[in-house]
PDB file of N, CA and C in Angstrom:
ATOM      1  N   MET A   1       0.096 -13.999  -5.796  1.00  0.00           N
ATOM      2  CA  MET A   1      -0.646 -12.832  -5.382  1.00  0.00           C
ATOM      3  C   MET A   1      -0.954 -11.969  -6.614  1.00  0.00           C
ATOM      4  N   ASN A   2      -2.037 -11.251  -6.541  1.00  0.00           N
ATOM      5  CA  ASN A   2      -2.498 -10.448  -7.681  1.00  0.00           C
ATOM      6  C   ASN A   2      -2.268  -8.973  -7.443  1.00  0.00           C
ATOM      7  N   GLU A   3      -1.940  -8.267  -8.509  1.00  0.00           N
ATOM      8  CA  GLU A   3      -1.790  -6.816  -8.406  1.00  0.00           C
ATOM      9  C   GLU A   3      -3.186  -6.198  -8.190  1.00  0.00           C
ATOM     10  N   THR A   4      -3.258  -5.291  -7.233  1.00  0.00           N
ATOM     11  CA  THR A   4      -4.509  -4.620  -6.923  1.00  0.00           C
ATOM     12  C   THR A   4      -4.327  -3.131  -7.151  1.00  0.00           C
ATOM     13  N   LYS A   5      -5.414  -2.375  -7.053  1.00  0.00           N
ATOM     14  CA  LYS A   5      -5.313  -0.925  -7.175  1.00  0.00           C
ATOM     15  C   LYS A   5      -4.375  -0.381  -6.136  1.00  0.00           C
ATOM     16  N   LEU A   6      -4.466  -0.927  -4.924  1.00  0.00           N
ATOM     17  CA  LEU A   6      -3.619  -0.485  -3.817  1.00  0.00           C
ATOM     18  C   LEU A   6      -2.143  -0.801  -4.082  1.00  0.00           C
ATOM     19  N   SER A   7      -1.864  -2.034  -4.483  1.00  0.00           N
ATOM     20  CA  SER A   7      -0.460  -2.406  -4.718  1.00  0.00           C
ATOM     21  C   SER A   7       0.131  -1.610  -5.883  1.00  0.00           C
ATOM     22  N   LYS A   8      -0.671  -1.391  -6.907  1.00  0.00           N
ATOM     23  CA  LYS A   8      -0.223  -0.608  -8.060  1.00  0.00           C
ATOM     24  C   LYS A   8       0.038   0.858  -7.648  1.00  0.00           C
ATOM     25  N   PHE A   9      -0.821   1.422  -6.829  1.00  0.00           N
ATOM     26  CA  PHE A   9      -0.662   2.805  -6.351  1.00  0.00           C
ATOM     27  C   PHE A   9       0.635   2.945  -5.575  1.00  0.00           C
ATOM     28  N   VAL A  10       0.859   2.045  -4.619  1.00  0.00           N
ATOM     29  CA  VAL A  10       2.067   2.135  -3.797  1.00  0.00           C
ATOM     30  C   VAL A  10       3.328   2.016  -4.629  1.00  0.00           C
ATOM     31  N   LYS A  11       3.334   1.061  -5.512  1.00  0.00           N
ATOM     32  CA  LYS A  11       4.523   0.847  -6.368  1.00  0.00           C
ATOM     33  C   LYS A  11       4.781   2.074  -7.266  1.00  0.00           C
ATOM     34  N   GLU A  12       3.709   2.616  -7.865  1.00  0.00           N
ATOM     35  CA  GLU A  12       3.850   3.788  -8.737  1.00  0.00           C
ATOM     36  C   GLU A  12       4.362   5.001  -7.953  1.00  0.00           C
ATOM     37  N   GLN A  13       3.782   5.219  -6.764  1.00  0.00           N
ATOM     38  CA  GLN A  13       4.202   6.337  -5.945  1.00  0.00           C
ATOM     39  C   GLN A  13       5.664   6.198  -5.479  1.00  0.00           C
ATOM     40  N   ARG A  14       6.022   4.983  -5.077  1.00  0.00           N
ATOM     41  CA  ARG A  14       7.387   4.742  -4.651  1.00  0.00           C
ATOM     42  C   ARG A  14       8.386   5.087  -5.773  1.00  0.00           C
ATOM     43  N   LYS A  15       8.061   4.637  -6.968  1.00  0.00           N
ATOM     44  CA  LYS A  15       8.949   4.907  -8.108  1.00  0.00           C
ATOM     45  C   LYS A  15       8.940   6.375  -8.479  1.00  0.00           C
ATOM     46  N   LEU A  16       7.787   7.045  -8.365  1.00  0.00           N
ATOM     47  CA  LEU A  16       7.680   8.465  -8.664  1.00  0.00           C
ATOM     48  C   LEU A  16       8.621   9.262  -7.755  1.00  0.00           C
ATOM     49  N   TYR A  17       8.741   8.835  -6.516  1.00  0.00           N
ATOM     50  CA  TYR A  17       9.619   9.513  -5.549  1.00  0.00           C
ATOM     51  C   TYR A  17      11.039   8.944  -5.521  1.00  0.00           C
ATOM     52  N   HIS A  18      11.325   8.067  -6.501  1.00  0.00           N
ATOM     53  CA  HIS A  18      12.661   7.471  -6.641  1.00  0.00           C
ATOM     54  C   HIS A  18      13.113   6.747  -5.379  1.00  0.00           C
ATOM     55  N   LEU A  19      12.205   5.974  -4.820  1.00  0.00           N
ATOM     56  CA  LEU A  19      12.512   5.197  -3.624  1.00  0.00           C
ATOM     57  C   LEU A  19      12.622   3.704  -3.962  1.00  0.00           C
ATOM     58  N   THR A  20      13.536   3.039  -3.348  1.00  0.00           N
ATOM     59  CA  THR A  20      13.579   1.585  -3.456  1.00  0.00           C
ATOM     60  C   THR A  20      12.618   1.038  -2.392  1.00  0.00           C
ATOM     61  N   GLN A  21      12.344  -0.255  -2.453  1.00  0.00           N
ATOM     62  CA  GLN A  21      11.525  -0.845  -1.413  1.00  0.00           C
ATOM     63  C   GLN A  21      12.203  -0.718  -0.043  1.00  0.00           C
ATOM     64  N   VAL A  22      13.506  -0.840  -0.027  1.00  0.00           N
ATOM     65  CA  VAL A  22      14.283  -0.666   1.227  1.00  0.00           C
ATOM     66  C   VAL A  22      14.098   0.754   1.739  1.00  0.00           C
ATOM     67  N   ASP A  23      14.233   1.739   0.852  1.00  0.00           N
ATOM     68  CA  ASP A  23      14.041   3.142   1.257  1.00  0.00           C
ATOM     69  C   ASP A  23      12.675   3.363   1.868  1.00  0.00           C
ATOM     70  N   LEU A  24      11.628   2.864   1.207  1.00  0.00           N
ATOM     71  CA  LEU A  24      10.254   3.039   1.674  1.00  0.00           C
ATOM     72  C   LEU A  24      10.080   2.365   3.027  1.00  0.00           C
ATOM     73  N   SER A  25      10.636   1.186   3.171  1.00  0.00           N
ATOM     74  CA  SER A  25      10.562   0.475   4.429  1.00  0.00           C
ATOM     75  C   SER A  25      11.184   1.277   5.562  1.00  0.00           C
ATOM     76  N   GLU A  26      12.370   1.781   5.317  1.00  0.00           N
ATOM     77  CA  GLU A  26      13.095   2.547   6.340  1.00  0.00           C
ATOM     78  C   GLU A  26      12.408   3.863   6.664  1.00  0.00           C
ATOM     79  N   LYS A  27      11.978   4.579   5.650  1.00  0.00           N
ATOM     80  CA  LYS A  27      11.361   5.895   5.856  1.00  0.00           C
ATOM     81  C   LYS A  27       9.987   5.783   6.543  1.00  0.00           C
ATOM     82  N   SER A  28       9.238   4.716   6.243  1.00  0.00           N
ATOM     83  CA  SER A  28       7.909   4.569   6.827  1.00  0.00           C
ATOM     84  C   SER A  28       7.935   3.851   8.170  1.00  0.00           C
ATOM     85  N   GLY A  29       8.981   3.082   8.420  1.00  0.00           N
ATOM     86  CA  GLY A  29       9.087   2.361   9.672  1.00  0.00           C
ATOM     87  C   GLY A  29       8.421   0.997   9.689  1.00  0.00           C
ATOM     88  N   VAL A  30       8.081   0.494   8.519  1.00  0.00           N
ATOM     89  CA  VAL A  30       7.524  -0.871   8.429  1.00  0.00           C
ATOM     90  C   VAL A  30       8.599  -1.783   7.855  1.00  0.00           C
ATOM     91  N   GLY A  31       8.418  -3.057   7.998  1.00  0.00           N
ATOM     92  CA  GLY A  31       9.413  -4.011   7.522  1.00  0.00           C
ATOM     93  C   GLY A  31       9.447  -4.118   6.003  1.00  0.00           C
ATOM     94  N   LEU A  32      10.609  -4.497   5.498  1.00  0.00           N
ATOM     95  CA  LEU A  32      10.771  -4.681   4.060  1.00  0.00           C
ATOM     96  C   LEU A  32       9.837  -5.752   3.547  1.00  0.00           C
ATOM     97  N   ARG A  33       9.662  -6.805   4.295  1.00  0.00           N
ATOM     98  CA  ARG A  33       8.733  -7.885   3.884  1.00  0.00           C
ATOM     99  C   ARG A  33       7.317  -7.336   3.710  1.00  0.00           C
ATOM    100  N   PHE A  34       6.905  -6.415   4.624  1.00  0.00           N
ATOM    101  CA  PHE A  34       5.573  -5.836   4.522  1.00  0.00           C
ATOM    102  C   PHE A  34       5.433  -5.036   3.221  1.00  0.00           C
ATOM    103  N   VAL A  35       6.445  -4.233   2.905  1.00  0.00           N
ATOM    104  CA  VAL A  35       6.398  -3.430   1.676  1.00  0.00           C
ATOM    105  C   VAL A  35       6.289  -4.354   0.459  1.00  0.00           C
ATOM    106  N   ARG A  36       7.057  -5.422   0.455  1.00  0.00           N
ATOM    107  CA  ARG A  36       7.026  -6.358  -0.661  1.00  0.00           C
ATOM    108  C   ARG A  36       5.642  -7.021  -0.767  1.00  0.00           C
ATOM    109  N   ASP A  37       5.100  -7.451   0.370  1.00  0.00           N
ATOM    110  CA  ASP A  37       3.763  -8.069   0.371  1.00  0.00           C
ATOM    111  C   ASP A  37       2.702  -7.076  -0.134  1.00  0.00           C
ATOM    112  N   LEU A  38       2.810  -5.837   0.310  1.00  0.00           N
ATOM    113  CA  LEU A  38       1.873  -4.799  -0.122  1.00  0.00           C
ATOM    114  C   LEU A  38       1.915  -4.589  -1.618  1.00  0.00           C
ATOM    115  N   GLU A  39       3.125  -4.472  -2.154  1.00  0.00           N
ATOM    116  CA  GLU A  39       3.258  -4.237  -3.599  1.00  0.00           C
ATOM    117  C   GLU A  39       2.911  -5.458  -4.427  1.00  0.00           C
ATOM    118  N   GLN A  40       2.908  -6.622  -3.834  1.00  0.00           N
ATOM    119  CA  GLN A  40       2.556  -7.832  -4.569  1.00  0.00           C
ATOM    120  C   GLN A  40       1.072  -8.160  -4.445  1.00  0.00           C
ATOM    121  N   GLY A  41       0.354  -7.345  -3.689  1.00  0.00           N
ATOM    122  CA  GLY A  41      -1.088  -7.529  -3.584  1.00  0.00           C
ATOM    123  C   GLY A  41      -1.545  -8.602  -2.620  1.00  0.00           C
ATOM    124  N   LYS A  42      -0.753  -8.839  -1.569  1.00  0.00           N
ATOM    125  CA  LYS A  42      -1.166  -9.835  -0.576  1.00  0.00           C
ATOM    126  C   LYS A  42      -2.559  -9.444  -0.040  1.00  0.00           C
ATOM    127  N   PRO A  43      -3.487 -10.394  -0.008  1.00  0.00           N
ATOM    128  CA  PRO A  43      -4.859 -10.058   0.335  1.00  0.00           C
ATOM    129  C   PRO A  43      -5.109  -9.792   1.813  1.00  0.00           C
ATOM    130  N   THR A  44      -4.186 -10.186   2.694  1.00  0.00           N
ATOM    131  CA  THR A  44      -4.391  -9.934   4.120  1.00  0.00           C
ATOM    132  C   THR A  44      -3.198  -9.134   4.663  1.00  0.00           C
ATOM    133  N   LEU A  45      -3.461  -7.859   4.917  1.00  0.00           N
ATOM    134  CA  LEU A  45      -2.458  -6.971   5.468  1.00  0.00           C
ATOM    135  C   LEU A  45      -3.074  -6.128   6.571  1.00  0.00           C
ATOM    136  N   ARG A  46      -2.291  -5.726   7.537  1.00  0.00           N
ATOM    137  CA  ARG A  46      -2.807  -4.886   8.606  1.00  0.00           C
ATOM    138  C   ARG A  46      -3.080  -3.469   8.085  1.00  0.00           C
ATOM    139  N   MET A  47      -4.313  -3.028   8.292  1.00  0.00           N
ATOM    140  CA  MET A  47      -4.712  -1.705   7.779  1.00  0.00           C
ATOM    141  C   MET A  47      -3.889  -0.599   8.399  1.00  0.00           C
ATOM    142  N   ASP A  48      -3.531  -0.699   9.683  1.00  0.00           N
ATOM    143  CA  ASP A  48      -2.758   0.362  10.314  1.00  0.00           C
ATOM    144  C   ASP A  48      -1.397   0.505   9.639  1.00  0.00           C
ATOM    145  N   LYS A  49      -0.770  -0.628   9.295  1.00  0.00           N
ATOM    146  CA  LYS A  49       0.519  -0.571   8.621  1.00  0.00           C
ATOM    147  C   LYS A  49       0.369  -0.055   7.189  1.00  0.00           C
ATOM    148  N   VAL A  50      -0.683  -0.464   6.512  1.00  0.00           N
ATOM    149  CA  VAL A  50      -0.918   0.044   5.159  1.00  0.00           C
ATOM    150  C   VAL A  50      -1.040   1.575   5.199  1.00  0.00           C
ATOM    151  N   ASN A  51      -1.784   2.084   6.191  1.00  0.00           N
ATOM    152  CA  ASN A  51      -1.965   3.532   6.305  1.00  0.00           C
ATOM    153  C   ASN A  51      -0.657   4.256   6.653  1.00  0.00           C
ATOM    154  N   ILE A  52       0.232   3.595   7.353  1.00  0.00           N
ATOM    155  CA  ILE A  52       1.554   4.188   7.642  1.00  0.00           C
ATOM    156  C   ILE A  52       2.287   4.399   6.332  1.00  0.00           C
ATOM    157  N   VAL A  53       2.261   3.397   5.453  1.00  0.00           N
ATOM    158  CA  VAL A  53       2.922   3.503   4.160  1.00  0.00           C
ATOM    159  C   VAL A  53       2.219   4.558   3.289  1.00  0.00           C
ATOM    160  N   LEU A  54       0.891   4.488   3.231  1.00  0.00           N
ATOM    161  CA  LEU A  54       0.158   5.435   2.393  1.00  0.00           C
ATOM    162  C   LEU A  54       0.340   6.871   2.838  1.00  0.00           C
ATOM    163  N   ASP A  55       0.539   7.089   4.140  1.00  0.00           N
ATOM    164  CA  ASP A  55       0.754   8.436   4.661  1.00  0.00           C
ATOM    165  C   ASP A  55       1.993   9.101   4.032  1.00  0.00           C
ATOM    166  N   MET A  56       2.946   8.293   3.628  1.00  0.00           N
ATOM    167  CA  MET A  56       4.147   8.799   2.954  1.00  0.00           C
ATOM    168  C   MET A  56       3.800   9.513   1.643  1.00  0.00           C
ATOM    169  N   PHE A  57       2.640   9.121   1.073  1.00  0.00           N
ATOM    170  CA  PHE A  57       2.225   9.679  -0.211  1.00  0.00           C
ATOM    171  C   PHE A  57       0.965  10.526  -0.086  1.00  0.00           C
ATOM    172  N   GLY A  58       0.619  10.900   1.127  1.00  0.00           N
ATOM    173  CA  GLY A  58      -0.534  11.762   1.356  1.00  0.00           C
ATOM    174  C   GLY A  58      -1.866  11.076   1.101  1.00  0.00           C
ATOM    175  N   ALA A  59      -1.932   9.787   1.388  1.00  0.00           N
ATOM    176  CA  ALA A  59      -3.141   9.013   1.165  1.00  0.00           C
ATOM    177  C   ALA A  59      -3.444   8.149   2.379  1.00  0.00           C
ATOM    178  N   GLU A  60      -4.656   7.595   2.435  1.00  0.00           N
ATOM    179  CA  GLU A  60      -5.023   6.662   3.485  1.00  0.00           C
ATOM    180  C   GLU A  60      -6.153   5.758   3.039  1.00  0.00           C
ATOM    181  N   LEU A  61      -6.267   4.599   3.690  1.00  0.00           N
ATOM    182  CA  LEU A  61      -7.381   3.690   3.420  1.00  0.00           C
ATOM    183  C   LEU A  61      -8.621   4.226   4.107  1.00  0.00           C
ATOM    184  N   GLY A  62      -9.741   3.960   3.512  1.00  0.00           N
ATOM    185  CA  GLY A  62     -11.006   4.352   4.120  1.00  0.00           C
ATOM    186  C   GLY A  62     -12.136   3.546   3.526  1.00  0.00           C
ATOM    187  N   PRO A  63     -13.314   3.633   4.116  1.00  0.00           N
ATOM    188  CA  PRO A  63     -14.438   2.898   3.577  1.00  0.00           C
ATOM    189  C   PRO A  63     -14.867   3.429   2.231  1.00  0.00           C
ATOM    190  N   VAL A  64     -15.266   2.535   1.344  1.00  0.00           N
ATOM    191  CA  VAL A  64     -15.763   2.882   0.023  1.00  0.00           C
ATOM    192  C   VAL A  64     -17.151   2.256  -0.107  1.00  0.00           C
ATOM    193  N   ARG A  65     -18.106   3.087  -0.410  1.00  0.00           N
ATOM    194  CA  ARG A  65     -19.478   2.605  -0.531  1.00  0.00           C
ATOM    195  C   ARG A  65     -19.626   1.762  -1.809  1.00  0.00           C
ATOM    196  N   LYS A  66     -20.233   0.583  -1.658  1.00  0.00           N
ATOM    197  CA  LYS A  66     -20.498  -0.287  -2.808  1.00  0.00           C
ATOM    198  C   LYS A  66     -21.816   0.143  -3.433  1.00  0.00           C
ATOM    199  N   GLU A  67     -21.972  -0.245  -4.690  1.00  0.00           N
ATOM    200  CA  GLU A  67     -23.253  -0.027  -5.377  1.00  0.00           C
ATOM    201  C   GLU A  67     -24.312  -0.877  -4.701  1.00  0.00           C
ATOM    202  N   ARG A  68     -25.539  -0.461  -4.732  1.00  0.00           N
ATOM    203  CA  ARG A  68     -26.630  -1.165  -4.036  1.00  0.00           C
ATOM    204  C   ARG A  68     -26.689  -2.642  -4.395  1.00  0.00           C
ATOM    205  N   GLY A  69     -26.509  -3.000  -5.617  1.00  0.00           N
ATOM    206  CA  GLY A  69     -26.627  -4.369  -6.068  1.00  0.00           C
ATOM    207  C   GLY A  69     -25.496  -5.268  -5.614  1.00  0.00           C
ATOM    208  N   GLU A  70     -24.435  -4.728  -5.060  1.00  0.00           N
ATOM    209  CA  GLU A  70     -23.280  -5.510  -4.691  1.00  0.00           C
ATOM    210  C   GLU A  70     -23.319  -6.020  -3.277  1.00  0.00           C
ATOM    211  N   LEU A  71     -24.342  -5.692  -2.497  1.00  0.00           N
ATOM    212  CA  LEU A  71     -24.419  -6.155  -1.111  1.00  0.00           C
ATOM    213  C   LEU A  71     -24.755  -7.561  -1.101  1.00  0.00           C
TER     214      LEU A  71
END
């Protein structure tokens, strides 16, 4: 799996708040495996669960407009 902007953000925020992956899993209510997959950049994750984790850091997933040439 590849590191993505999302996986890097979650990992950095978790460390900023001095949380282990277990802590983040317990506090957010998602499984430890999900947190690990998220931080490792797994390409297929449930958006609702990602948003549960991101909510811990005051963030959420949303649509991002692509440049015209990228369609």
